[in-house]
C-alpha atoms as a PDB file:
ATOM      1  CA  MET A   1      -0.347  25.322  -4.599  1.00  0.00           C
ATOM      2  CA  GLN A   2      -1.477  22.777  -2.061  1.00  0.00           C
ATOM      3  CA  VAL A   3      -5.015  23.231  -0.786  1.00  0.00           C
ATOM      4  CA  LYS A   4      -6.381  21.614   2.333  1.00  0.00           C
ATOM      5  CA  SER A   5      -9.849  23.006   3.005  1.00  0.00           C
ATOM      6  CA  GLY A   6     -11.552  23.103   6.373  1.00  0.00           C
ATOM      7  CA  ARG A   7     -13.679  20.197   5.181  1.00  0.00           C
ATOM      8  CA  ASP A   8     -10.527  18.243   4.257  1.00  0.00           C
ATOM      9  CA  ALA A   9      -9.047  18.962   7.687  1.00  0.00           C
ATOM     10  CA  ALA A  10     -12.225  17.875   9.431  1.00  0.00           C
ATOM     11  CA  ARG A  11     -12.285  14.638   7.433  1.00  0.00           C
ATOM     12  CA  ALA A  12      -8.652  13.974   8.263  1.00  0.00           C
ATOM     13  CA  ASN A  13      -9.385  14.538  11.946  1.00  0.00           C
ATOM     14  CA  ARG A  14     -12.339  12.145  11.792  1.00  0.00           C
ATOM     15  CA  ARG A  15     -10.090   9.587  10.114  1.00  0.00           C
ATOM     16  CA  ARG A  16      -7.546   9.825  12.956  1.00  0.00           C
ATOM     17  CA  LYS A  17     -10.251   9.451  15.563  1.00  0.00           C
ATOM     18  CA  PHE A  18     -11.843   6.570  13.668  1.00  0.00           C
ATOM     19  CA  GLY A  19      -8.517   4.765  13.322  1.00  0.00           C
ATOM     20  CA  ALA A  20      -7.689   5.094  17.008  1.00  0.00           C
ATOM     21  CA  ALA A  21     -11.205   4.129  18.086  1.00  0.00           C
ATOM     22  CA  THR A  22     -11.501   1.051  15.908  1.00  0.00           C
ATOM     23  CA  LEU A  23      -8.024  -0.144  16.841  1.00  0.00           C
ATOM     24  CA  ALA A  24      -8.752   0.286  20.554  1.00  0.00           C
ATOM     25  CA  ALA A  25     -12.030  -1.602  20.141  1.00  0.00           C
ATOM     26  CA  ALA A  26     -10.311  -4.394  18.244  1.00  0.00           C
ATOM     27  CA  LEU A  27      -7.666  -4.815  20.908  1.00  0.00           C
ATOM     28  CA  ALA A  28     -10.248  -4.761  23.676  1.00  0.00           C
ATOM     29  CA  ALA A  29     -12.259  -7.408  21.852  1.00  0.00           C
ATOM     30  CA  ALA A  30      -9.188  -9.587  21.506  1.00  0.00           C
ATOM     31  CA  GLY A  31      -9.461 -10.580  25.119  1.00  0.00           C
ATOM     32  CA  ALA A  32      -6.639 -11.381  27.528  1.00  0.00           C
ATOM     33  CA  VAL A  33      -3.156 -11.267  26.003  1.00  0.00           C
ATOM     34  CA  ARG A  34      -0.537 -13.319  27.797  1.00  0.00           C
ATOM     35  CA  ALA A  35       2.228 -10.811  27.214  1.00  0.00           C
ATOM     36  CA  GLN A  36       1.877  -7.660  25.192  1.00  0.00           C
ATOM     37  CA  HIS A  37       5.276  -7.733  23.543  1.00  0.00           C
ATOM     38  CA  LEU A  38       5.926  -7.231  19.852  1.00  0.00           C
ATOM     39  CA  VAL A  39       9.212  -7.475  17.969  1.00  0.00           C
ATOM     40  CA  VAL A  40       9.163  -5.347  14.819  1.00  0.00           C
ATOM     41  CA  VAL A  41      11.814  -6.150  12.206  1.00  0.00           C
ATOM     42  CA  SER A  42      12.232  -3.578   9.409  1.00  0.00           C
ATOM     43  CA  SER A  43      13.785  -4.365   6.039  1.00  0.00           C
ATOM     44  CA  ASP A  44      15.323  -0.890   5.854  1.00  0.00           C
ATOM     45  CA  GLU A  45      14.645   2.736   6.761  1.00  0.00           C
ATOM     46  CA  ALA A  46      12.234   3.521   3.914  1.00  0.00           C
ATOM     47  CA  PRO A  47       9.482   5.974   4.965  1.00  0.00           C
ATOM     48  CA  PRO A  48       6.607   3.435   4.801  1.00  0.00           C
ATOM     49  CA  TYR A  49       8.454   1.175   7.248  1.00  0.00           C
ATOM     50  CA  GLN A  50       9.224   4.051   9.605  1.00  0.00           C
ATOM     51  CA  GLN A  51       5.610   5.198   9.530  1.00  0.00           C
ATOM     52  CA  ALA A  52       4.299   1.658  10.084  1.00  0.00           C
ATOM     53  CA  LEU A  53       6.636   1.255  13.058  1.00  0.00           C
ATOM     54  CA  ALA A  54       5.388   4.566  14.484  1.00  0.00           C
ATOM     55  CA  GLY A  55       1.822   3.278  14.230  1.00  0.00           C
ATOM     56  CA  ILE A  56       2.733   0.104  16.124  1.00  0.00           C
ATOM     57  CA  GLN A  57       4.565   2.082  18.785  1.00  0.00           C
ATOM     58  CA  LYS A  58       1.442   4.172  19.416  1.00  0.00           C
ATOM     59  CA  ILE A  59      -0.529   1.138  20.544  1.00  0.00           C
ATOM     60  CA  THR A  60      -0.936   1.628  24.274  1.00  0.00           C
ATOM     61  CA  GLY A  61      -0.201  -0.988  26.911  1.00  0.00           C
ATOM     62  CA  ILE A  62       2.444  -2.973  25.006  1.00  0.00           C
ATOM     63  CA  THR A  63       6.210  -3.021  24.658  1.00  0.00           C
ATOM     64  CA  VAL A  64       7.736  -2.815  21.202  1.00  0.00           C
ATOM     65  CA  GLU A  65      11.257  -3.973  20.376  1.00  0.00           C
ATOM     66  CA  ALA A  66      12.339  -2.492  17.035  1.00  0.00           C
ATOM     67  CA  GLN A  67      15.077  -4.158  14.965  1.00  0.00           C
ATOM     68  CA  LEU A  68      16.526  -2.718  11.752  1.00  0.00           C
ATOM     69  CA  LEU A  69      18.206  -5.173   9.413  1.00  0.00           C
ATOM     70  CA  ASP A  70      21.785  -4.537   8.446  1.00  0.00           C
ATOM     71  CA  PRO A  71      21.942  -4.057   4.644  1.00  0.00           C
ATOM     72  CA  ASP A  72      24.583  -6.791   4.385  1.00  0.00           C
ATOM     73  CA  VAL A  73      22.734  -9.379   6.456  1.00  0.00           C
ATOM     74  CA  GLU A  74      21.219 -12.141   4.325  1.00  0.00           C
ATOM     75  CA  SER A  75      20.153 -14.489   7.100  1.00  0.00           C
ATOM     76  CA  ALA A  76      19.335 -14.316  10.767  1.00  0.00           C
ATOM     77  CA  PRO A  77      22.056 -15.309  13.215  1.00  0.00           C
ATOM     78  CA  PRO A  78      21.508 -18.806  14.652  1.00  0.00           C
ATOM     79  CA  GLY A  79      19.000 -18.617  17.451  1.00  0.00           C
ATOM     80  CA  ALA A  80      18.231 -14.926  16.855  1.00  0.00           C
ATOM     81  CA  PHE A  81      14.502 -15.533  17.266  1.00  0.00           C
ATOM     82  CA  ALA A  82      14.683 -18.764  19.222  1.00  0.00           C
ATOM     83  CA  ARG A  83      14.338 -16.880  22.510  1.00  0.00           C
ATOM     84  CA  LEU A  84      10.990 -15.504  21.423  1.00  0.00           C
ATOM     85  CA  GLY A  85       8.513 -17.772  23.094  1.00  0.00           C
ATOM     86  CA  ARG A  86       4.769 -18.050  22.969  1.00  0.00           C
ATOM     87  CA  ASP A  87       4.395 -14.678  24.670  1.00  0.00           C
ATOM     88  CA  THR A  88       5.858 -12.653  21.805  1.00  0.00           C
ATOM     89  CA  ALA A  89       4.699 -11.979  18.254  1.00  0.00           C
ATOM     90  CA  VAL A  90       6.791 -10.650  15.386  1.00  0.00           C
ATOM     91  CA  VAL A  91       5.810  -8.021  12.830  1.00  0.00           C
ATOM     92  CA  ALA A  92       8.113  -8.049   9.795  1.00  0.00           C
ATOM     93  CA  LEU A  93       8.016  -4.899   7.669  1.00  0.00           C
ATOM     94  CA  GLY A  94       8.908  -5.573   4.045  1.00  0.00           C
ATOM     95  CA  MET A  95       9.837  -8.606   2.003  1.00  0.00           C
ATOM     96  CA  ARG A  96      13.434  -8.946   3.158  1.00  0.00           C
ATOM     97  CA  ALA A  97      12.532  -8.875   6.835  1.00  0.00           C
ATOM     98  CA  SER A  98       9.612 -11.265   6.273  1.00  0.00           C
ATOM     99  CA  GLU A  99      11.718 -13.903   4.558  1.00  0.00           C
ATOM    100  CA  LEU A 100      14.579 -13.584   7.044  1.00  0.00           C
ATOM    101  CA  VAL A 101      12.273 -14.011  10.044  1.00  0.00           C
ATOM    102  CA  ALA A 102      10.478 -16.908   8.329  1.00  0.00           C
ATOM    103  CA  ARG A 103      13.772 -18.707   7.614  1.00  0.00           C
ATOM    104  CA  ALA A 104      14.861 -18.250  11.222  1.00  0.00           C
ATOM    105  CA  GLY A 105      12.261 -20.829  12.199  1.00  0.00           C
ATOM    106  CA  SER A 106      10.786 -19.027  15.195  1.00  0.00           C
ATOM    107  CA  SER A 107       7.657 -20.490  16.712  1.00  0.00           C
ATOM    108  CA  SER A 108       6.347 -17.011  17.492  1.00  0.00           C
ATOM    109  CA  PRO A 109       3.367 -15.770  15.469  1.00  0.00           C
ATOM    110  CA  LEU A 110       4.451 -13.752  12.439  1.00  0.00           C
ATOM    111  CA  VAL A 111       2.627 -10.903  10.721  1.00  0.00           C
ATOM    112  CA  SER A 112       4.285 -10.059   7.432  1.00  0.00           C
ATOM    113  CA  CYS A 113       3.442  -6.468   6.571  1.00  0.00           C
ATOM    114  CA  LEU A 114       4.056  -4.349   3.434  1.00  0.00           C
ATOM    115  CA  VAL A 115       5.008  -7.183   1.079  1.00  0.00           C
ATOM    116  CA  PRO A 116       4.081  -7.433  -2.640  1.00  0.00           C
ATOM    117  CA  SER A 117       1.391 -10.121  -2.356  1.00  0.00           C
ATOM    118  CA  PRO A 118      -0.028 -12.661   0.110  1.00  0.00           C
ATOM    119  CA  ASP A 119       1.771 -15.642  -1.434  1.00  0.00           C
ATOM    120  CA  THR A 120       5.295 -14.204  -1.574  1.00  0.00           C
ATOM    121  CA  VAL A 121       6.497 -15.024   1.945  1.00  0.00           C
ATOM    122  CA  ARG A 122       8.362 -18.323   1.870  1.00  0.00           C
ATOM    123  CA  GLY A 123       9.453 -20.355   4.840  1.00  0.00           C
ATOM    124  CA  ALA A 124       6.843 -19.452   7.454  1.00  0.00           C
ATOM    125  CA  PRO A 125       4.249 -22.154   8.154  1.00  0.00           C
ATOM    126  CA  ASN A 126       1.220 -19.876   8.637  1.00  0.00           C
ATOM    127  CA  PRO A 127       2.170 -16.212   8.328  1.00  0.00           C
ATOM    128  CA  GLN A 128      -0.459 -13.504   8.387  1.00  0.00           C
ATOM    129  CA  VAL A 129       0.253 -11.308   5.383  1.00  0.00           C
ATOM    130  CA  VAL A 130      -0.733  -7.679   4.827  1.00  0.00           C
ATOM    131  CA  PRO A 131       0.212  -6.646   1.270  1.00  0.00           C
ATOM    132  CA  ILE A 132       1.591  -3.192   0.483  1.00  0.00           C
ATOM    133  CA  ASP A 133      -0.795  -2.817  -2.466  1.00  0.00           C
ATOM    134  CA  VAL A 134      -4.154  -1.165  -1.933  1.00  0.00           C
ATOM    135  CA  PRO A 135      -6.732  -3.895  -2.713  1.00  0.00           C
ATOM    136  CA  ILE A 136      -7.657  -3.925  -6.398  1.00  0.00           C
ATOM    137  CA  ASP A 137     -11.368  -3.751  -5.571  1.00  0.00           C
ATOM    138  CA  VAL A 138     -10.689  -0.385  -3.894  1.00  0.00           C
ATOM    139  CA  GLN A 139      -8.851   0.765  -7.014  1.00  0.00           C
ATOM    140  CA  ILE A 140     -11.772  -0.369  -9.164  1.00  0.00           C
ATOM    141  CA  ASP A 141     -14.253   1.543  -6.984  1.00  0.00           C
ATOM    142  CA  SER A 142     -12.068   4.639  -7.381  1.00  0.00           C
ATOM    143  CA  LEU A 143     -11.924   4.184 -11.153  1.00  0.00           C
ATOM    144  CA  ARG A 144     -15.701   4.099 -11.286  1.00  0.00           C
ATOM    145  CA  THR A 145     -15.896   7.228  -9.154  1.00  0.00           C
ATOM    146  CA  PHE A 146     -13.208   9.433 -10.686  1.00  0.00           C
ATOM    147  CA  LEU A 147     -13.145   8.106 -14.272  1.00  0.00           C
ATOM    148  CA  PRO A 148     -16.627   6.686 -14.916  1.00  0.00           C
ATOM    149  CA  GLN A 149     -16.159   6.824 -18.717  1.00  0.00           C
ATOM    150  CA  ALA A 150     -12.916   4.810 -18.698  1.00  0.00           C
ATOM    151  CA  ARG A 151     -13.150   1.382 -20.294  1.00  0.00           C
ATOM    152  CA  THR A 152      -9.579   0.379 -21.194  1.00  0.00           C
ATOM    153  CA  ILE A 153      -6.826   0.593 -18.588  1.00  0.00           C
ATOM    154  CA  GLY A 154      -3.150   0.619 -19.484  1.00  0.00           C
ATOM    155  CA  ILE A 155      -0.529  -0.911 -17.193  1.00  0.00           C
ATOM    156  CA  LEU A 156       3.193  -0.270 -17.640  1.00  0.00           C
ATOM    157  CA  PHE A 157       5.328  -2.886 -15.902  1.00  0.00           C
ATOM    158  CA  ASP A 158       8.567  -4.814 -15.884  1.00  0.00           C
ATOM    159  CA  PRO A 159       7.719  -8.517 -16.401  1.00  0.00           C
ATOM    160  CA  ALA A 160      10.788  -9.576 -14.424  1.00  0.00           C
ATOM    161  CA  ILE A 161       9.400  -7.790 -11.366  1.00  0.00           C
ATOM    162  CA  ASN A 162       5.641  -7.721 -11.722  1.00  0.00           C
ATOM    163  CA  ALA A 163       4.353 -10.421 -14.072  1.00  0.00           C
ATOM    164  CA  LYS A 164       2.345 -12.186 -11.359  1.00  0.00           C
ATOM    165  CA  ARG A 165       1.066  -8.979  -9.787  1.00  0.00           C
ATOM    166  CA  VAL A 166      -0.088  -7.607 -13.161  1.00  0.00           C
ATOM    167  CA  ASP A 167      -1.784 -10.883 -14.050  1.00  0.00           C
ATOM    168  CA  ALA A 168      -3.854 -10.663 -10.858  1.00  0.00           C
ATOM    169  CA  ILE A 169      -4.699  -6.986 -11.453  1.00  0.00           C
ATOM    170  CA  ALA A 170      -5.675  -7.610 -15.086  1.00  0.00           C
ATOM    171  CA  THR A 171      -7.882 -10.542 -14.079  1.00  0.00           C
ATOM    172  CA  ALA A 172      -9.682  -8.388 -11.499  1.00  0.00           C
ATOM    173  CA  LEU A 173     -10.144  -5.514 -13.952  1.00  0.00           C
ATOM    174  CA  THR A 174     -11.515  -7.883 -16.590  1.00  0.00           C
ATOM    175  CA  GLY A 175     -13.926  -9.333 -14.052  1.00  0.00           C
ATOM    176  CA  ALA A 176     -15.119  -5.796 -13.285  1.00  0.00           C
ATOM    177  CA  GLY A 177     -15.871  -5.124 -16.933  1.00  0.00           C
ATOM    178  CA  TYR A 178     -12.702  -3.334 -18.028  1.00  0.00           C
ATOM    179  CA  GLN A 179     -10.297  -4.125 -20.828  1.00  0.00           C
ATOM    180  CA  THR A 180      -6.578  -3.960 -20.147  1.00  0.00           C
ATOM    181  CA  ARG A 181      -3.639  -3.009 -22.316  1.00  0.00           C
ATOM    182  CA  LEU A 182      -0.392  -4.370 -20.884  1.00  0.00           C
ATOM    183  CA  ALA A 183       2.801  -2.567 -21.880  1.00  0.00           C
ATOM    184  CA  PRO A 184       5.973  -4.414 -20.815  1.00  0.00           C
ATOM    185  CA  VAL A 185       8.983  -2.235 -19.949  1.00  0.00           C
ATOM    186  CA  THR A 186      12.082  -4.386 -19.643  1.00  0.00           C
ATOM    187  CA  SER A 187      14.479  -1.495 -18.954  1.00  0.00           C
ATOM    188  CA  HIS A 188      14.441   2.250 -18.350  1.00  0.00           C
ATOM    189  CA  ALA A 189      15.406   2.780 -21.992  1.00  0.00           C
ATOM    190  CA  MET A 190      12.307   0.897 -23.182  1.00  0.00           C
ATOM    191  CA  LEU A 191       9.802   3.258 -21.516  1.00  0.00           C
ATOM    192  CA  PRO A 192       9.373   5.609 -24.537  1.00  0.00           C
ATOM    193  CA  GLN A 193       8.615   2.653 -26.794  1.00  0.00           C
ATOM    194  CA  ALA A 194       6.065   1.283 -24.323  1.00  0.00           C
ATOM    195  CA  LEU A 195       4.363   4.679 -24.005  1.00  0.00           C
ATOM    196  CA  ALA A 196       4.216   4.986 -27.787  1.00  0.00           C
ATOM    197  CA  SER A 197       1.973   1.903 -27.894  1.00  0.00           C
ATOM    198  CA  LEU A 198      -0.695   3.433 -25.655  1.00  0.00           C
ATOM    199  CA  PRO A 199      -2.204   6.562 -27.330  1.00  0.00           C
ATOM    200  CA  ASN A 200      -5.689   5.898 -28.720  1.00  0.00           C
ATOM    201  CA  ALA A 201      -5.593   2.497 -27.027  1.00  0.00           C
ATOM    202  CA  VAL A 202      -6.287   3.292 -23.355  1.00  0.00           C
ATOM    203  CA  ASP A 203      -8.494   5.616 -21.330  1.00  0.00           C
ATOM    204  CA  ALA A 204      -6.229   5.752 -18.271  1.00  0.00           C
ATOM    205  CA  ILE A 205      -2.941   4.378 -16.964  1.00  0.00           C
ATOM    206  CA  LEU A 206      -2.939   2.628 -13.597  1.00  0.00           C
ATOM    207  CA  ALA A 207       0.456   2.924 -11.914  1.00  0.00           C
ATOM    208  CA  ILE A 208       1.720  -0.012  -9.868  1.00  0.00           C
ATOM    209  CA  PRO A 209       4.839  -0.268  -7.684  1.00  0.00           C
ATOM    210  CA  ASP A 210       7.572  -0.943 -10.232  1.00  0.00           C
ATOM    211  CA  THR A 211      11.158   0.238  -9.852  1.00  0.00           C
ATOM    212  CA  THR A 212      11.828   0.015 -13.591  1.00  0.00           C
ATOM    213  CA  VAL A 213       8.918   2.215 -14.682  1.00  0.00           C
ATOM    214  CA  TYR A 214       7.974   4.575 -11.867  1.00  0.00           C
ATOM    215  CA  THR A 215      11.211   6.311 -11.014  1.00  0.00           C
ATOM    216  CA  GLN A 216      11.948   9.935 -10.240  1.00  0.00           C
ATOM    217  CA  GLN A 217      13.863  10.184 -13.515  1.00  0.00           C
ATOM    218  CA  ALA A 218      10.879   8.891 -15.519  1.00  0.00           C
ATOM    219  CA  SER A 219       8.212  11.004 -13.815  1.00  0.00           C
ATOM    220  CA  LYS A 220       8.542  13.961 -16.209  1.00  0.00           C
ATOM    221  CA  ALA A 221       8.163  11.746 -19.296  1.00  0.00           C
ATOM    222  CA  LEU A 222       5.165   9.912 -17.823  1.00  0.00           C
ATOM    223  CA  LEU A 223       3.330  13.089 -16.827  1.00  0.00           C
ATOM    224  CA  LEU A 224       4.128  14.836 -20.111  1.00  0.00           C
ATOM    225  CA  PHE A 225       2.714  11.841 -21.983  1.00  0.00           C
ATOM    226  CA  SER A 226      -0.411  11.983 -19.799  1.00  0.00           C
ATOM    227  CA  PHE A 227      -1.148  15.636 -20.552  1.00  0.00           C
ATOM    228  CA  ARG A 228      -0.193  15.575 -24.238  1.00  0.00           C
ATOM    229  CA  ASN A 229      -2.479  12.618 -24.925  1.00  0.00           C
ATOM    230  CA  ARG A 230      -5.137  13.465 -22.336  1.00  0.00           C
ATOM    231  CA  ILE A 231      -4.718  10.062 -20.746  1.00  0.00           C
ATOM    232  CA  PRO A 232      -5.074  10.334 -16.957  1.00  0.00           C
ATOM    233  CA  LEU A 233      -2.302   8.803 -14.866  1.00  0.00           C
ATOM    234  CA  ILE A 234      -3.544   7.170 -11.690  1.00  0.00           C
ATOM    235  CA  GLY A 235      -0.561   7.750  -9.440  1.00  0.00           C
ATOM    236  CA  LEU A 236       1.141   5.616  -6.847  1.00  0.00           C
ATOM    237  CA  THR A 237       1.251   8.142  -4.029  1.00  0.00           C
ATOM    238  CA  GLU A 238       0.221  11.604  -2.950  1.00  0.00           C
ATOM    239  CA  ALA A 239       3.630  12.844  -4.138  1.00  0.00           C
ATOM    240  CA  TRP A 240       2.777  11.696  -7.669  1.00  0.00           C
ATOM    241  CA  VAL A 241      -0.547  13.532  -7.458  1.00  0.00           C
ATOM    242  CA  LYS A 242       1.177  16.695  -6.316  1.00  0.00           C
ATOM    243  CA  ALA A 243       3.478  16.376  -9.357  1.00  0.00           C
ATOM    244  CA  GLY A 244       0.527  16.035 -11.755  1.00  0.00           C
ATOM    245  CA  ALA A 245      -1.077  12.577 -11.598  1.00  0.00           C
ATOM    246  CA  LEU A 246      -4.870  12.820 -11.580  1.00  0.00           C
ATOM    247  CA  TYR A 247      -5.424  10.948  -8.331  1.00  0.00           C
ATOM    248  CA  ALA A 248      -3.951   8.247  -6.122  1.00  0.00           C
ATOM    249  CA  VAL A 249      -5.244   5.795  -3.556  1.00  0.00           C
ATOM    250  CA  GLU A 250      -2.645   4.808  -0.969  1.00  0.00           C
ATOM    251  CA  TRP A 251      -2.350   3.607   2.586  1.00  0.00           C
ATOM    252  CA  ASP A 252      -1.790   5.734   5.606  1.00  0.00           C
ATOM    253  CA  TYR A 253       1.197   3.594   6.601  1.00  0.00           C
ATOM    254  CA  GLU A 254       0.958   4.581  10.248  1.00  0.00           C
ATOM    255  CA  GLU A 255      -2.602   3.277  10.358  1.00  0.00           C
ATOM    256  CA  LEU A 256      -1.599   0.172   8.426  1.00  0.00           C
ATOM    257  CA  GLY A 257       1.230  -0.469  10.900  1.00  0.00           C
ATOM    258  CA  ALA A 258      -1.240  -0.198  13.775  1.00  0.00           C
ATOM    259  CA  TYR A 259      -3.468  -2.693  11.964  1.00  0.00           C
ATOM    260  CA  CYS A 260      -0.547  -5.137  11.612  1.00  0.00           C
ATOM    261  CA  GLY A 261       0.218  -4.675  15.299  1.00  0.00           C
ATOM    262  CA  ALA A 262      -3.414  -5.432  16.156  1.00  0.00           C
ATOM    263  CA  LEU A 263      -3.238  -8.636  14.101  1.00  0.00           C
ATOM    264  CA  ALA A 264      -0.082  -9.664  15.967  1.00  0.00           C
ATOM    265  CA  LEU A 265      -1.678  -9.029  19.361  1.00  0.00           C
ATOM    266  CA  ARG A 266      -4.756 -10.947  18.310  1.00  0.00           C
ATOM    267  CA  SER A 267      -2.546 -13.950  17.558  1.00  0.00           C
ATOM    268  CA  LEU A 268      -1.422 -13.906  21.207  1.00  0.00           C
ATOM    269  CA  SER A 269      -4.948 -13.689  22.536  1.00  0.00           C
ATOM    270  CA  SER A 270      -6.496 -16.488  24.522  1.00  0.00           C
ATOM    271  CA  SER A 271      -9.681 -16.017  22.480  1.00  0.00           C
ATOM    272  CA  ARG A 272     -10.316 -15.793  18.752  1.00  0.00           C
ATOM    273  CA  ALA A 273     -11.706 -12.279  18.443  1.00  0.00           C
ATOM    274  CA  PRO A 274     -12.946 -10.848  15.132  1.00  0.00           C
ATOM    275  CA  LEU A 275     -10.271  -9.431  12.873  1.00  0.00           C
ATOM    276  CA  PRO A 276      -9.631  -5.709  13.339  1.00  0.00           C
ATOM    277  CA  PRO A 277     -10.977  -3.536  10.517  1.00  0.00           C
ATOM    278  CA  LEU A 278      -8.614  -2.751   7.668  1.00  0.00           C
ATOM    279  CA  PRO A 279      -7.877   1.003   7.517  1.00  0.00           C
ATOM    280  CA  ARG A 280      -9.470   3.025   4.732  1.00  0.00           C
ATOM    281  CA  PRO A 281      -6.882   4.044   2.159  1.00  0.00           C
ATOM    282  CA  ARG A 282      -6.203   7.751   1.610  1.00  0.00           C
ATOM    283  CA  ILE A 283      -7.354   9.566  -1.541  1.00  0.00           C
ATOM    284  CA  ALA A 284      -5.484  12.490  -3.097  1.00  0.00           C
ATOM    285  CA  ILE A 285      -6.648  14.371  -6.199  1.00  0.00           C
ATOM    286  CA  ASN A 286      -5.180  17.065  -8.447  1.00  0.00           C
ATOM    287  CA  LEU A 287      -7.828  19.570  -9.532  1.00  0.00           C
ATOM    288  CA  ARG A 288      -5.541  21.388 -11.965  1.00  0.00           C
ATOM    289  CA  SER A 289      -4.700  18.108 -13.703  1.00  0.00           C
ATOM    290  CA  ALA A 290      -8.414  17.320 -13.942  1.00  0.00           C
ATOM    291  CA  GLU A 291      -8.966  20.682 -15.627  1.00  0.00           C
ATOM    292  CA  GLN A 292      -6.102  20.157 -18.088  1.00  0.00           C
ATOM    293  CA  LEU A 293      -7.392  16.673 -18.899  1.00  0.00           C
ATOM    294  CA  GLN A 294     -10.886  18.143 -19.392  1.00  0.00           C
ATOM    295  CA  ILE A 295     -12.358  16.057 -16.598  1.00  0.00           C
ATOM    296  CA  LYS A 296     -15.261  17.672 -14.771  1.00  0.00           C
ATOM    297  CA  TRP A 297     -16.073  16.407 -11.312  1.00  0.00           C
ATOM    298  CA  ASN A 298     -19.115  17.192  -9.232  1.00  0.00           C
ATOM    299  CA  MET A 299     -17.236  17.640  -5.980  1.00  0.00           C
ATOM    300  CA  SER A 300     -20.373  17.089  -3.917  1.00  0.00           C
ATOM    301  CA  LEU A 301     -20.650  13.563  -5.340  1.00  0.00           C
ATOM    302  CA  LEU A 302     -17.060  12.549  -4.671  1.00  0.00           C
ATOM    303  CA  PRO A 303     -16.144  10.422  -1.647  1.00  0.00           C
ATOM    304  CA  ASP A 304     -14.031  11.769   1.184  1.00  0.00           C
ATOM    305  CA  VAL A 305     -10.862  13.232  -0.327  1.00  0.00           C
ATOM    306  CA  ASP A 306      -7.975  13.470   2.099  1.00  0.00           C
ATOM    307  CA  ARG A 307      -5.805  15.864   0.106  1.00  0.00           C
ATOM    308  CA  SER A 308      -6.406  18.020  -2.946  1.00  0.00           C
ATOM    309  CA  PHE A 309      -3.970  20.024  -5.056  1.00  0.00           C
ATOM    310  CA  GLU A 310      -4.667  22.863  -7.461  1.00  0.00           C
END
């Protein structure tokens, strides 16, 4: 059963007010904008992109032109972005849109939003990049809060997809005093073998975006392994927490879209205003999973939790 207490609702309401207030302040501080026009190019119709677009569209006083890429389009038509002059900025949602816009050679400022990492956008001279991953330092703070006894963190990943990402995560975890146990999964069929290497070796598993490991078909096996071995799974999203993961830290993609829009508007400003504040990621927890994993939390000492399940 999903539980959203009055305190949770009040916190969520404060978050909405805070997000709107800080964004408005950031845009006001940006100074005069020559033309408040943003072109938003989405890689596809995935929910994070739709929610990010909705956040951009809620920014008052601007016009937003939304473009959805055709699945079969591999490059921008000649001159597709040439008409975008100095008065327009582009927000590209997702890797495919970011690379396509970058290759088009537009002189308009580009904010590349919801991509795997800051150094993955090729072709743009000076893109502003907002990764889809919650910053690892936020994940580390959450580990210390929700699993203070954890010392060794397991990471399941496909090296063909995530070798560089996992290397950066492991380096950050090591720097924060953790040990890591990396378990490569080269295909869906290899997941059981990778899981078999983790019991008695890790204190928790940190999920990362990986289409080989974290699929709907694999969710039952991953959660069953977690409960049988009492190894908490730190989920990708609130949906994973609802299914049984212990907790997850994820973006409110609407707020993140508004943040990307604010960055784009700032690039059109006649002044160099301070960067708008990055939104606070959302936290979801599963109290029943905590009980089954024999984890006891002092709820009064936990940070703001946006959603809890029990």
